[in-house]
Amino acid sequence: MSTPESGKSEPVSVRVLDREYTVGVTEAERASLTSAARLLDTRMRELRGSNKMVAPDRLAVLTALNLAHELQQREAVGQVRSDDDLFKLIDAANARLDGLLVSNS
């Protein structure tokens, strides 16, 4: 996600669980964000399964926990190169969750 020092931010729309969210990103971040949104959508749909009654905010938190756990496991086996990489991924996940939670309220 873009920060004031990262360059010009442009709005990009992504869909997660049939809801559209608009996020400001730089051109360099666009492909990564859309890929992350597809991953999040896929994982949330898998977790929801046939239970359509699960609250979207609960589903988002559980999905984020699963993704964070996977990230920690990869770090433990050396698939994440540095703490900086981990913090960037966690910050990005937190920003996406914040966007989802704001959109749901």
PDB file of N, CA and C in Angstrom:
ATOM      1  N   MET A   1       0.842  -1.156   0.000  1.00  0.00           N
ATOM      2  CA  MET A   1       0.000   0.000   0.000  1.00  0.00           C
ATOM      3  C   MET A   1       0.892   1.225   0.000  1.00  0.00           C
ATOM      4  N   SER A   2       0.433   2.249  -0.626  1.00  0.00           N
ATOM      5  CA  SER A   2       1.291   3.408  -0.779  1.00  0.00           C
ATOM      6  C   SER A   2       1.318   4.252   0.486  1.00  0.00           C
ATOM      7  N   THR A   3       2.439   4.890   0.670  1.00  0.00           N
ATOM      8  CA  THR A   3       2.625   5.842   1.755  1.00  0.00           C
ATOM      9  C   THR A   3       2.979   7.168   1.119  1.00  0.00           C
ATOM     10  N   PRO A   4       2.895   8.287   1.860  1.00  0.00           N
ATOM     11  CA  PRO A   4       3.170   9.584   1.250  1.00  0.00           C
ATOM     12  C   PRO A   4       4.514   9.650   0.528  1.00  0.00           C
ATOM     13  N   GLU A   5       5.533   8.976   1.039  1.00  0.00           N
ATOM     14  CA  GLU A   5       6.845   9.048   0.418  1.00  0.00           C
ATOM     15  C   GLU A   5       7.032   8.051  -0.716  1.00  0.00           C
ATOM     16  N   SER A   6       6.064   7.174  -0.965  1.00  0.00           N
ATOM     17  CA  SER A   6       6.254   6.123  -1.966  1.00  0.00           C
ATOM     18  C   SER A   6       5.823   6.521  -3.375  1.00  0.00           C
ATOM     19  N   GLY A   7       5.312   7.699  -3.571  1.00  0.00           N
ATOM     20  CA  GLY A   7       4.932   8.115  -4.914  1.00  0.00           C
ATOM     21  C   GLY A   7       3.452   8.409  -5.020  1.00  0.00           C
ATOM     22  N   LYS A   8       3.034   8.724  -6.244  1.00  0.00           N
ATOM     23  CA  LYS A   8       1.647   9.093  -6.496  1.00  0.00           C
ATOM     24  C   LYS A   8       0.723   7.893  -6.338  1.00  0.00           C
ATOM     25  N   SER A   9      -0.307   8.080  -5.554  1.00  0.00           N
ATOM     26  CA  SER A   9      -1.274   7.023  -5.286  1.00  0.00           C
ATOM     27  C   SER A   9      -2.446   7.140  -6.255  1.00  0.00           C
ATOM     28  N   GLU A  10      -2.875   5.995  -6.768  1.00  0.00           N
ATOM     29  CA  GLU A  10      -4.026   5.944  -7.660  1.00  0.00           C
ATOM     30  C   GLU A  10      -5.041   4.961  -7.097  1.00  0.00           C
ATOM     31  N   PRO A  11      -6.338   5.249  -7.249  1.00  0.00           N
ATOM     32  CA  PRO A  11      -7.343   4.314  -6.750  1.00  0.00           C
ATOM     33  C   PRO A  11      -7.414   3.052  -7.610  1.00  0.00           C
ATOM     34  N   VAL A  12      -7.479   1.917  -6.937  1.00  0.00           N
ATOM     35  CA  VAL A  12      -7.626   0.627  -7.604  1.00  0.00           C
ATOM     36  C   VAL A  12      -8.774  -0.103  -6.921  1.00  0.00           C
ATOM     37  N   SER A  13      -9.679  -0.647  -7.706  1.00  0.00           N
ATOM     38  CA  SER A  13     -10.803  -1.404  -7.151  1.00  0.00           C
ATOM     39  C   SER A  13     -10.488  -2.890  -7.189  1.00  0.00           C
ATOM     40  N   VAL A  14     -10.777  -3.557  -6.074  1.00  0.00           N
ATOM     41  CA  VAL A  14     -10.616  -5.005  -5.982  1.00  0.00           C
ATOM     42  C   VAL A  14     -11.902  -5.582  -5.412  1.00  0.00           C
ATOM     43  N   ARG A  15     -12.153  -6.855  -5.690  1.00  0.00           N
ATOM     44  CA  ARG A  15     -13.345  -7.531  -5.166  1.00  0.00           C
ATOM     45  C   ARG A  15     -12.921  -8.645  -4.229  1.00  0.00           C
ATOM     46  N   VAL A  16     -13.542  -8.652  -3.059  1.00  0.00           N
ATOM     47  CA  VAL A  16     -13.323  -9.709  -2.075  1.00  0.00           C
ATOM     48  C   VAL A  16     -14.697 -10.134  -1.579  1.00  0.00           C
ATOM     49  N   LEU A  17     -15.001 -11.405  -1.720  1.00  0.00           N
ATOM     50  CA  LEU A  17     -16.315 -11.952  -1.343  1.00  0.00           C
ATOM     51  C   LEU A  17     -17.461 -11.132  -1.928  1.00  0.00           C
ATOM     52  N   ASP A  18     -17.362 -10.853  -3.219  1.00  0.00           N
ATOM     53  CA  ASP A  18     -18.408 -10.152  -3.963  1.00  0.00           C
ATOM     54  C   ASP A  18     -18.647  -8.713  -3.514  1.00  0.00           C
ATOM     55  N   ARG A  19     -17.704  -8.153  -2.774  1.00  0.00           N
ATOM     56  CA  ARG A  19     -17.784  -6.743  -2.392  1.00  0.00           C
ATOM     57  C   ARG A  19     -16.602  -6.018  -2.998  1.00  0.00           C
ATOM     58  N   GLU A  20     -16.847  -4.812  -3.450  1.00  0.00           N
ATOM     59  CA  GLU A  20     -15.795  -4.033  -4.082  1.00  0.00           C
ATOM     60  C   GLU A  20     -15.188  -3.059  -3.074  1.00  0.00           C
ATOM     61  N   TYR A  21     -13.864  -2.982  -3.109  1.00  0.00           N
ATOM     62  CA  TYR A  21     -13.110  -2.082  -2.242  1.00  0.00           C
ATOM     63  C   TYR A  21     -12.171  -1.264  -3.116  1.00  0.00           C
ATOM     64  N   THR A  22     -12.048   0.015  -2.814  1.00  0.00           N
ATOM     65  CA  THR A  22     -11.129   0.877  -3.535  1.00  0.00           C
ATOM     66  C   THR A  22      -9.973   1.216  -2.613  1.00  0.00           C
ATOM     67  N   VAL A  23      -8.766   0.999  -3.127  1.00  0.00           N
ATOM     68  CA  VAL A  23      -7.552   1.186  -2.339  1.00  0.00           C
ATOM     69  C   VAL A  23      -6.603   2.061  -3.142  1.00  0.00           C
ATOM     70  N   GLY A  24      -5.909   2.977  -2.460  1.00  0.00           N
ATOM     71  CA  GLY A  24      -4.919   3.813  -3.126  1.00  0.00           C
ATOM     72  C   GLY A  24      -3.567   3.123  -3.157  1.00  0.00           C
ATOM     73  N   VAL A  25      -3.017   2.947  -4.355  1.00  0.00           N
ATOM     74  CA  VAL A  25      -1.708   2.313  -4.513  1.00  0.00           C
ATOM     75  C   VAL A  25      -0.928   3.029  -5.607  1.00  0.00           C
ATOM     76  N   THR A  26       0.385   2.856  -5.584  1.00  0.00           N
ATOM     77  CA  THR A  26       1.202   3.367  -6.679  1.00  0.00           C
ATOM     78  C   THR A  26       1.102   2.389  -7.842  1.00  0.00           C
ATOM     79  N   GLU A  27       1.512   2.838  -9.005  1.00  0.00           N
ATOM     80  CA  GLU A  27       1.486   1.972 -10.187  1.00  0.00           C
ATOM     81  C   GLU A  27       2.309   0.711  -9.954  1.00  0.00           C
ATOM     82  N   ALA A  28       3.434   0.857  -9.248  1.00  0.00           N
ATOM     83  CA  ALA A  28       4.308  -0.292  -8.981  1.00  0.00           C
ATOM     84  C   ALA A  28       3.647  -1.324  -8.070  1.00  0.00           C
ATOM     85  N   GLU A  29       2.691  -0.882  -7.253  1.00  0.00           N
ATOM     86  CA  GLU A  29       2.022  -1.787  -6.309  1.00  0.00           C
ATOM     87  C   GLU A  29       0.755  -2.428  -6.873  1.00  0.00           C
ATOM     88  N   ARG A  30       0.287  -1.929  -7.985  1.00  0.00           N
ATOM     89  CA  ARG A  30      -1.012  -2.348  -8.532  1.00  0.00           C
ATOM     90  C   ARG A  30      -1.122  -3.865  -8.727  1.00  0.00           C
ATOM     91  N   ALA A  31      -0.183  -4.470  -9.417  1.00  0.00           N
ATOM     92  CA  ALA A  31      -0.250  -5.912  -9.695  1.00  0.00           C
ATOM     93  C   ALA A  31      -0.184  -6.725  -8.407  1.00  0.00           C
ATOM     94  N   SER A  32       0.667  -6.293  -7.492  1.00  0.00           N
ATOM     95  CA  SER A  32       0.797  -7.000  -6.221  1.00  0.00           C
ATOM     96  C   SER A  32      -0.496  -6.928  -5.416  1.00  0.00           C
ATOM     97  N   LEU A  33      -1.121  -5.758  -5.407  1.00  0.00           N
ATOM     98  CA  LEU A  33      -2.373  -5.603  -4.669  1.00  0.00           C
ATOM     99  C   LEU A  33      -3.476  -6.471  -5.266  1.00  0.00           C
ATOM    100  N   THR A  34      -3.613  -6.467  -6.578  1.00  0.00           N
ATOM    101  CA  THR A  34      -4.675  -7.277  -7.177  1.00  0.00           C
ATOM    102  C   THR A  34      -4.423  -8.763  -6.945  1.00  0.00           C
ATOM    103  N   SER A  35      -3.170  -9.157  -6.968  1.00  0.00           N
ATOM    104  CA  SER A  35      -2.828 -10.551  -6.666  1.00  0.00           C
ATOM    105  C   SER A  35      -3.169 -10.883  -5.215  1.00  0.00           C
ATOM    106  N   ALA A  36      -2.845  -9.976  -4.306  1.00  0.00           N
ATOM    107  CA  ALA A  36      -3.153 -10.188  -2.887  1.00  0.00           C
ATOM    108  C   ALA A  36      -4.661 -10.257  -2.664  1.00  0.00           C
ATOM    109  N   ALA A  37      -5.407  -9.421  -3.367  1.00  0.00           N
ATOM    110  CA  ALA A  37      -6.869  -9.438  -3.231  1.00  0.00           C
ATOM    111  C   ALA A  37      -7.442 -10.765  -3.722  1.00  0.00           C
ATOM    112  N   ARG A  38      -6.896 -11.288  -4.826  1.00  0.00           N
ATOM    113  CA  ARG A  38      -7.360 -12.598  -5.319  1.00  0.00           C
ATOM    114  C   ARG A  38      -7.051 -13.696  -4.305  1.00  0.00           C
ATOM    115  N   LEU A  39      -5.846 -13.640  -3.730  1.00  0.00           N
ATOM    116  CA  LEU A  39      -5.476 -14.625  -2.711  1.00  0.00           C
ATOM    117  C   LEU A  39      -6.411 -14.529  -1.510  1.00  0.00           C
ATOM    118  N   LEU A  40      -6.653 -13.312  -1.038  1.00  0.00           N
ATOM    119  CA  LEU A  40      -7.540 -13.116   0.108  1.00  0.00           C
ATOM    120  C   LEU A  40      -8.942 -13.625  -0.204  1.00  0.00           C
ATOM    121  N   ASP A  41      -9.453 -13.296  -1.380  1.00  0.00           N
ATOM    122  CA  ASP A  41     -10.780 -13.753  -1.779  1.00  0.00           C
ATOM    123  C   ASP A  41     -10.849 -15.278  -1.800  1.00  0.00           C
ATOM    124  N   THR A  42      -9.848 -15.904  -2.391  1.00  0.00           N
ATOM    125  CA  THR A  42      -9.810 -17.372  -2.464  1.00  0.00           C
ATOM    126  C   THR A  42      -9.778 -17.985  -1.076  1.00  0.00           C
ATOM    127  N   ARG A  43      -8.903 -17.475  -0.223  1.00  0.00           N
ATOM    128  CA  ARG A  43      -8.772 -18.035   1.122  1.00  0.00           C
ATOM    129  C   ARG A  43     -10.035 -17.822   1.944  1.00  0.00           C
ATOM    130  N   MET A  44     -10.660 -16.657   1.822  1.00  0.00           N
ATOM    131  CA  MET A  44     -11.890 -16.408   2.573  1.00  0.00           C
ATOM    132  C   MET A  44     -13.009 -17.328   2.093  1.00  0.00           C
ATOM    133  N   ARG A  45     -13.088 -17.542   0.790  1.00  0.00           N
ATOM    134  CA  ARG A  45     -14.111 -18.450   0.245  1.00  0.00           C
ATOM    135  C   ARG A  45     -13.869 -19.885   0.706  1.00  0.00           C
ATOM    136  N   GLU A  46     -12.608 -20.298   0.723  1.00  0.00           N
ATOM    137  CA  GLU A  46     -12.281 -21.650   1.199  1.00  0.00           C
ATOM    138  C   GLU A  46     -12.669 -21.809   2.664  1.00  0.00           C
ATOM    139  N   LEU A  47     -12.346 -20.824   3.479  1.00  0.00           N
ATOM    140  CA  LEU A  47     -12.646 -20.897   4.910  1.00  0.00           C
ATOM    141  C   LEU A  47     -14.150 -20.863   5.154  1.00  0.00           C
ATOM    142  N   ARG A  48     -14.840 -20.042   4.397  1.00  0.00           N
ATOM    143  CA  ARG A  48     -16.291 -19.947   4.550  1.00  0.00           C
ATOM    144  C   ARG A  48     -16.963 -21.237   4.117  1.00  0.00           C
ATOM    145  N   GLY A  49     -16.443 -21.864   3.065  1.00  0.00           N
ATOM    146  CA  GLY A  49     -17.021 -23.115   2.581  1.00  0.00           C
ATOM    147  C   GLY A  49     -18.492 -22.965   2.277  1.00  0.00           C
ATOM    148  N   SER A  50     -19.262 -23.897   2.753  1.00  0.00           N
ATOM    149  CA  SER A  50     -20.701 -23.860   2.487  1.00  0.00           C
ATOM    150  C   SER A  50     -21.464 -23.092   3.557  1.00  0.00           C
ATOM    151  N   ASN A  51     -20.784 -22.626   4.593  1.00  0.00           N
ATOM    152  CA  ASN A  51     -21.441 -21.878   5.659  1.00  0.00           C
ATOM    153  C   ASN A  51     -21.495 -20.401   5.296  1.00  0.00           C
ATOM    154  N   LYS A  52     -22.548 -19.999   4.622  1.00  0.00           N
ATOM    155  CA  LYS A  52     -22.699 -18.617   4.155  1.00  0.00           C
ATOM    156  C   LYS A  52     -23.074 -17.658   5.284  1.00  0.00           C
ATOM    157  N   MET A  53     -23.332 -18.183   6.475  1.00  0.00           N
ATOM    158  CA  MET A  53     -23.783 -17.338   7.577  1.00  0.00           C
ATOM    159  C   MET A  53     -22.638 -16.780   8.421  1.00  0.00           C
ATOM    160  N   VAL A  54     -21.399 -17.134   8.118  1.00  0.00           N
ATOM    161  CA  VAL A  54     -20.263 -16.623   8.881  1.00  0.00           C
ATOM    162  C   VAL A  54     -20.150 -15.123   8.634  1.00  0.00           C
ATOM    163  N   ALA A  55     -20.020 -14.342   9.713  1.00  0.00           N
ATOM    164  CA  ALA A  55     -19.893 -12.890   9.588  1.00  0.00           C
ATOM    165  C   ALA A  55     -18.617 -12.543   8.817  1.00  0.00           C
ATOM    166  N   PRO A  56     -18.708 -11.613   7.871  1.00  0.00           N
ATOM    167  CA  PRO A  56     -17.535 -11.262   7.061  1.00  0.00           C
ATOM    168  C   PRO A  56     -16.340 -10.771   7.878  1.00  0.00           C
ATOM    169  N   ASP A  57     -16.595 -10.029   8.961  1.00  0.00           N
ATOM    170  CA  ASP A  57     -15.464  -9.549   9.760  1.00  0.00           C
ATOM    171  C   ASP A  57     -14.766 -10.708  10.466  1.00  0.00           C
ATOM    172  N   ARG A  58     -15.522 -11.657  10.954  1.00  0.00           N
ATOM    173  CA  ARG A  58     -14.925 -12.842  11.586  1.00  0.00           C
ATOM    174  C   ARG A  58     -14.132 -13.646  10.556  1.00  0.00           C
ATOM    175  N   LEU A  59     -14.698 -13.802   9.389  1.00  0.00           N
ATOM    176  CA  LEU A  59     -14.033 -14.518   8.309  1.00  0.00           C
ATOM    177  C   LEU A  59     -12.719 -13.830   7.921  1.00  0.00           C
ATOM    178  N   ALA A  60     -12.730 -12.497   7.868  1.00  0.00           N
ATOM    179  CA  ALA A  60     -11.519 -11.738   7.526  1.00  0.00           C
ATOM    180  C   ALA A  60     -10.434 -11.929   8.580  1.00  0.00           C
ATOM    181  N   VAL A  61     -10.819 -11.889   9.855  1.00  0.00           N
ATOM    182  CA  VAL A  61      -9.833 -12.058  10.927  1.00  0.00           C
ATOM    183  C   VAL A  61      -9.264 -13.475  10.915  1.00  0.00           C
ATOM    184  N   LEU A  62     -10.109 -14.478  10.767  1.00  0.00           N
ATOM    185  CA  LEU A  62      -9.626 -15.858  10.729  1.00  0.00           C
ATOM    186  C   LEU A  62      -8.709 -16.098   9.532  1.00  0.00           C
ATOM    187  N   THR A  63      -9.056 -15.516   8.401  1.00  0.00           N
ATOM    188  CA  THR A  63      -8.204 -15.650   7.219  1.00  0.00           C
ATOM    189  C   THR A  63      -6.863 -14.964   7.446  1.00  0.00           C
ATOM    190  N   ALA A  64      -6.883 -13.778   8.042  1.00  0.00           N
ATOM    191  CA  ALA A  64      -5.631 -13.066   8.340  1.00  0.00           C
ATOM    192  C   ALA A  64      -4.761 -13.872   9.298  1.00  0.00           C
ATOM    193  N   LEU A  65      -5.377 -14.482  10.299  1.00  0.00           N
ATOM    194  CA  LEU A  65      -4.616 -15.318  11.233  1.00  0.00           C
ATOM    195  C   LEU A  65      -3.981 -16.502  10.510  1.00  0.00           C
ATOM    196  N   ASN A  66      -4.734 -17.134   9.629  1.00  0.00           N
ATOM    197  CA  ASN A  66      -4.180 -18.257   8.862  1.00  0.00           C
ATOM    198  C   ASN A  66      -3.007 -17.816   7.996  1.00  0.00           C
ATOM    199  N   LEU A  67      -3.155 -16.679   7.311  1.00  0.00           N
ATOM    200  CA  LEU A  67      -2.073 -16.181   6.460  1.00  0.00           C
ATOM    201  C   LEU A  67      -0.850 -15.784   7.284  1.00  0.00           C
ATOM    202  N   ALA A  68      -1.073 -15.154   8.441  1.00  0.00           N
ATOM    203  CA  ALA A  68       0.048 -14.781   9.312  1.00  0.00           C
ATOM    204  C   ALA A  68       0.767 -16.024   9.826  1.00  0.00           C
ATOM    205  N   HIS A  69       0.000 -17.048  10.157  1.00  0.00           N
ATOM    206  CA  HIS A  69       0.594 -18.303  10.626  1.00  0.00           C
ATOM    207  C   HIS A  69       1.446 -18.938   9.526  1.00  0.00           C
ATOM    208  N   GLU A  70       0.930 -18.966   8.315  1.00  0.00           N
ATOM    209  CA  GLU A  70       1.698 -19.502   7.190  1.00  0.00           C
ATOM    210  C   GLU A  70       2.979 -18.707   6.979  1.00  0.00           C
ATOM    211  N   LEU A  71       2.888 -17.399   7.113  1.00  0.00           N
ATOM    212  CA  LEU A  71       4.062 -16.545   6.956  1.00  0.00           C
ATOM    213  C   LEU A  71       5.108 -16.861   8.017  1.00  0.00           C
ATOM    214  N   GLN A  72       4.673 -17.051   9.250  1.00  0.00           N
ATOM    215  CA  GLN A  72       5.603 -17.408  10.327  1.00  0.00           C
ATOM    216  C   GLN A  72       6.255 -18.760  10.062  1.00  0.00           C
ATOM    217  N   GLN A  73       5.489 -19.705   9.558  1.00  0.00           N
ATOM    218  CA  GLN A  73       6.060 -21.017   9.246  1.00  0.00           C
ATOM    219  C   GLN A  73       7.117 -20.903   8.150  1.00  0.00           C
ATOM    220  N   ARG A  74       6.844 -20.103   7.144  1.00  0.00           N
ATOM    221  CA  ARG A  74       7.826 -19.906   6.078  1.00  0.00           C
ATOM    222  C   ARG A  74       9.082 -19.231   6.602  1.00  0.00           C
ATOM    223  N   GLU A  75       8.894 -18.290   7.506  1.00  0.00           N
ATOM    224  CA  GLU A  75      10.050 -17.618   8.093  1.00  0.00           C
ATOM    225  C   GLU A  75      10.897 -18.629   8.869  1.00  0.00           C
ATOM    226  N   ALA A  76      10.243 -19.524   9.575  1.00  0.00           N
ATOM    227  CA  ALA A  76      10.958 -20.513  10.385  1.00  0.00           C
ATOM    228  C   ALA A  76      11.818 -21.435   9.530  1.00  0.00           C
ATOM    229  N   VAL A  77      11.416 -21.680   8.300  1.00  0.00           N
ATOM    230  CA  VAL A  77      12.212 -22.545   7.427  1.00  0.00           C
ATOM    231  C   VAL A  77      13.045 -21.738   6.434  1.00  0.00           C
ATOM    232  N   GLY A  78      13.132 -20.433   6.662  1.00  0.00           N
ATOM    233  CA  GLY A  78      14.004 -19.590   5.854  1.00  0.00           C
ATOM    234  C   GLY A  78      13.435 -19.124   4.537  1.00  0.00           C
ATOM    235  N   GLN A  79      12.127 -19.230   4.349  1.00  0.00           N
ATOM    236  CA  GLN A  79      11.545 -18.779   3.090  1.00  0.00           C
ATOM    237  C   GLN A  79      11.297 -17.280   3.067  1.00  0.00           C
ATOM    238  N   VAL A  80      11.315 -16.636   4.225  1.00  0.00           N
ATOM    239  CA  VAL A  80      11.237 -15.183   4.287  1.00  0.00           C
ATOM    240  C   VAL A  80      12.626 -14.710   4.674  1.00  0.00           C
ATOM    241  N   ARG A  81      13.201 -13.829   3.885  1.00  0.00           N
ATOM    242  CA  ARG A  81      14.613 -13.503   4.030  1.00  0.00           C
ATOM    243  C   ARG A  81      14.959 -12.634   5.232  1.00  0.00           C
ATOM    244  N   SER A  82      14.068 -11.764   5.675  1.00  0.00           N
ATOM    245  CA  SER A  82      14.437 -10.865   6.763  1.00  0.00           C
ATOM    246  C   SER A  82      13.212 -10.438   7.553  1.00  0.00           C
ATOM    247  N   ASP A  83      13.471  -9.881   8.732  1.00  0.00           N
ATOM    248  CA  ASP A  83      12.382  -9.331   9.529  1.00  0.00           C
ATOM    249  C   ASP A  83      11.688  -8.201   8.779  1.00  0.00           C
ATOM    250  N   ASP A  84      12.457  -7.415   8.022  1.00  0.00           N
ATOM    251  CA  ASP A  84      11.857  -6.329   7.250  1.00  0.00           C
ATOM    252  C   ASP A  84      10.809  -6.863   6.278  1.00  0.00           C
ATOM    253  N   ASP A  85      11.111  -7.979   5.619  1.00  0.00           N
ATOM    254  CA  ASP A  85      10.139  -8.590   4.711  1.00  0.00           C
ATOM    255  C   ASP A  85       8.878  -8.992   5.466  1.00  0.00           C
ATOM    256  N   LEU A  86       9.063  -9.602   6.628  1.00  0.00           N
ATOM    257  CA  LEU A  86       7.932 -10.037   7.438  1.00  0.00           C
ATOM    258  C   LEU A  86       7.090  -8.845   7.868  1.00  0.00           C
ATOM    259  N   PHE A  87       7.739  -7.791   8.355  1.00  0.00           N
ATOM    260  CA  PHE A  87       7.004  -6.611   8.804  1.00  0.00           C
ATOM    261  C   PHE A  87       6.248  -5.951   7.651  1.00  0.00           C
ATOM    262  N   LYS A  88       6.844  -5.912   6.475  1.00  0.00           N
ATOM    263  CA  LYS A  88       6.158  -5.342   5.312  1.00  0.00           C
ATOM    264  C   LYS A  88       4.916  -6.156   4.971  1.00  0.00           C
ATOM    265  N   LEU A  89       5.034  -7.468   5.002  1.00  0.00           N
ATOM    266  CA  LEU A  89       3.888  -8.323   4.692  1.00  0.00           C
ATOM    267  C   LEU A  89       2.791  -8.188   5.744  1.00  0.00           C
ATOM    268  N   ILE A  90       3.185  -8.120   7.010  1.00  0.00           N
ATOM    269  CA  ILE A  90       2.196  -7.958   8.084  1.00  0.00           C
ATOM    270  C   ILE A  90       1.523  -6.596   7.985  1.00  0.00           C
ATOM    271  N   ASP A  91       2.306  -5.535   7.720  1.00  0.00           N
ATOM    272  CA  ASP A  91       1.726  -4.202   7.558  1.00  0.00           C
ATOM    273  C   ASP A  91       0.727  -4.180   6.406  1.00  0.00           C
ATOM    274  N   ALA A  92       1.078  -4.826   5.312  1.00  0.00           N
ATOM    275  CA  ALA A  92       0.171  -4.872   4.161  1.00  0.00           C
ATOM    276  C   ALA A  92      -1.109  -5.625   4.512  1.00  0.00           C
ATOM    277  N   ALA A  93      -0.971  -6.745   5.227  1.00  0.00           N
ATOM    278  CA  ALA A  93      -2.150  -7.516   5.640  1.00  0.00           C
ATOM    279  C   ALA A  93      -3.019  -6.703   6.591  1.00  0.00           C
ATOM    280  N   ASN A  94      -2.385  -5.997   7.531  1.00  0.00           N
ATOM    281  CA  ASN A  94      -3.139  -5.154   8.462  1.00  0.00           C
ATOM    282  C   ASN A  94      -3.882  -4.050   7.727  1.00  0.00           C
ATOM    283  N   ALA A  95      -3.223  -3.424   6.760  1.00  0.00           N
ATOM    284  CA  ALA A  95      -3.871  -2.359   5.995  1.00  0.00           C
ATOM    285  C   ALA A  95      -5.069  -2.903   5.223  1.00  0.00           C
ATOM    286  N   ARG A  96      -4.912  -4.077   4.646  1.00  0.00           N
ATOM    287  CA  ARG A  96      -6.026  -4.686   3.910  1.00  0.00           C
ATOM    288  C   ARG A  96      -7.183  -5.017   4.848  1.00  0.00           C
ATOM    289  N   LEU A  97      -6.843  -5.554   6.023  1.00  0.00           N
ATOM    290  CA  LEU A  97      -7.890  -5.858   7.005  1.00  0.00           C
ATOM    291  C   LEU A  97      -8.593  -4.591   7.461  1.00  0.00           C
ATOM    292  N   ASP A  98      -7.814  -3.524   7.715  1.00  0.00           N
ATOM    293  CA  ASP A  98      -8.420  -2.254   8.106  1.00  0.00           C
ATOM    294  C   ASP A  98      -9.408  -1.790   7.048  1.00  0.00           C
ATOM    295  N   GLY A  99      -9.021  -1.921   5.790  1.00  0.00           N
ATOM    296  CA  GLY A  99      -9.911  -1.536   4.704  1.00  0.00           C
ATOM    297  C   GLY A  99     -11.169  -2.374   4.669  1.00  0.00           C
ATOM    298  N   LEU A 100     -11.025  -3.662   4.911  1.00  0.00           N
ATOM    299  CA  LEU A 100     -12.193  -4.543   4.932  1.00  0.00           C
ATOM    300  C   LEU A 100     -13.110  -4.217   6.095  1.00  0.00           C
ATOM    301  N   LEU A 101     -12.524  -3.994   7.260  1.00  0.00           N
ATOM    302  CA  LEU A 101     -13.337  -3.726   8.440  1.00  0.00           C
ATOM    303  C   LEU A 101     -14.048  -2.387   8.328  1.00  0.00           C
ATOM    304  N   VAL A 102     -13.391  -1.366   7.751  1.00  0.00           N
ATOM    305  CA  VAL A 102     -14.020  -0.065   7.560  1.00  0.00           C
ATOM    306  C   VAL A 102     -15.160  -0.187   6.558  1.00  0.00           C
ATOM    307  N   SER A 103     -14.941  -0.948   5.497  1.00  0.00           N
ATOM    308  CA  SER A 103     -15.971  -1.114   4.473  1.00  0.00           C
ATOM    309  C   SER A 103     -17.184  -1.866   4.996  1.00  0.00           C
ATOM    310  N   ASN A 104     -16.983  -2.720   5.988  1.00  0.00           N
ATOM    311  CA  ASN A 104     -18.089  -3.507   6.542  1.00  0.00           C
ATOM    312  C   ASN A 104     -18.898  -2.745   7.571  1.00  0.00           C
ATOM    313  N   SER A 105     -18.378  -1.620   8.061  1.00  0.00           N
ATOM    314  CA  SER A 105     -19.130  -0.896   9.097  1.00  0.00           C
ATOM    315  C   SER A 105     -20.058   0.127   8.526  1.00  0.00           C
TER     316      SER A 105
END
